[in-house]
Amino acid sequence: NESAIRGSDAPSQTKIEEEETERKRKEESRMEEEESLASKGAEGRRASR
């Protein structure tokens, strides 16, 4: 079990960190999507953010 070896000293902390990293990655990709859509449609909307 890879995760057990990697987080043997603090498995719960590792799991929390992994979930946080995953959430951040999803959030970043969503923001990138929104920005690309905004730049295609209305450049001014992205600038006012």
C-alpha atoms as a PDB file:
ATOM      1  CA  ASN A   1       0.000   0.000   0.000  1.00  0.00           C
ATOM      2  CA  GLU A   2       1.768   3.111  -1.267  1.00  0.00           C
ATOM      3  CA  SER A   3      -0.205   5.677   0.739  1.00  0.00           C
ATOM      4  CA  ALA A   4       0.474   3.801   3.985  1.00  0.00           C
ATOM      5  CA  ILE A   5       4.224   3.928   3.370  1.00  0.00           C
ATOM      6  CA  ARG A   6       4.204   7.545   2.252  1.00  0.00           C
ATOM      7  CA  GLY A   7       2.171   8.788   5.226  1.00  0.00           C
ATOM      8  CA  SER A   8       3.094   6.208   7.844  1.00  0.00           C
ATOM      9  CA  ASP A   9       3.883   8.835  10.497  1.00  0.00           C
ATOM     10  CA  ALA A  10       0.685  10.846   9.916  1.00  0.00           C
ATOM     11  CA  PRO A  11      -1.716   9.123   7.492  1.00  0.00           C
ATOM     12  CA  SER A  12      -4.691  11.306   8.414  1.00  0.00           C
ATOM     13  CA  GLN A  13      -2.692  14.489   7.807  1.00  0.00           C
ATOM     14  CA  THR A  14      -1.516  13.123   4.462  1.00  0.00           C
ATOM     15  CA  LYS A  15      -5.090  12.360   3.433  1.00  0.00           C
ATOM     16  CA  ILE A  16      -6.207  15.870   4.386  1.00  0.00           C
ATOM     17  CA  GLU A  17      -3.340  17.370   2.402  1.00  0.00           C
ATOM     18  CA  GLU A  18      -4.157  15.208  -0.622  1.00  0.00           C
ATOM     19  CA  GLU A  19      -7.813  16.267  -0.525  1.00  0.00           C
ATOM     20  CA  GLU A  20      -6.811  19.916  -0.172  1.00  0.00           C
ATOM     21  CA  THR A  21      -4.400  19.636  -3.111  1.00  0.00           C
ATOM     22  CA  GLU A  22      -7.104  17.992  -5.234  1.00  0.00           C
ATOM     23  CA  ARG A  23      -9.610  20.705  -4.331  1.00  0.00           C
ATOM     24  CA  LYS A  24      -7.108  23.446  -5.185  1.00  0.00           C
ATOM     25  CA  ARG A  25      -6.324  21.786  -8.511  1.00  0.00           C
ATOM     26  CA  LYS A  26     -10.017  21.592  -9.415  1.00  0.00           C
ATOM     27  CA  GLU A  27     -10.533  25.198  -8.362  1.00  0.00           C
ATOM     28  CA  GLU A  28      -7.561  26.377 -10.426  1.00  0.00           C
ATOM     29  CA  SER A  29      -8.698  24.498 -13.534  1.00  0.00           C
ATOM     30  CA  ARG A  30     -12.195  25.948 -13.124  1.00  0.00           C
ATOM     31  CA  MET A  31     -10.786  29.460 -12.813  1.00  0.00           C
ATOM     32  CA  GLU A  32      -8.628  28.912 -15.900  1.00  0.00           C
ATOM     33  CA  GLU A  33     -11.716  27.768 -17.790  1.00  0.00           C
ATOM     34  CA  GLU A  34     -13.656  30.840 -16.686  1.00  0.00           C
ATOM     35  CA  GLU A  35     -10.781  33.121 -17.665  1.00  0.00           C
ATOM     36  CA  SER A  36     -10.429  31.582 -21.117  1.00  0.00           C
ATOM     37  CA  LEU A  37     -14.178  31.907 -21.662  1.00  0.00           C
ATOM     38  CA  ALA A  38     -14.107  35.493 -20.414  1.00  0.00           C
ATOM     39  CA  SER A  39     -11.189  36.423 -22.662  1.00  0.00           C
ATOM     40  CA  LYS A  40     -13.035  34.963 -25.645  1.00  0.00           C
ATOM     41  CA  GLY A  41     -16.293  36.761 -24.823  1.00  0.00           C
ATOM     42  CA  ALA A  42     -15.717  39.946 -22.832  1.00  0.00           C
ATOM     43  CA  GLU A  43     -12.178  41.074 -22.057  1.00  0.00           C
ATOM     44  CA  GLY A  44     -13.466  43.844 -19.785  1.00  0.00           C
ATOM     45  CA  ARG A  45     -15.300  41.426 -17.495  1.00  0.00           C
ATOM     46  CA  ARG A  46     -12.098  39.609 -16.580  1.00  0.00           C
ATOM     47  CA  ALA A  47     -10.220  42.863 -15.948  1.00  0.00           C
ATOM     48  CA  SER A  48     -12.867  44.152 -13.525  1.00  0.00           C
ATOM     49  CA  ARG A  49     -12.480  41.003 -11.382  1.00  0.00           C
END
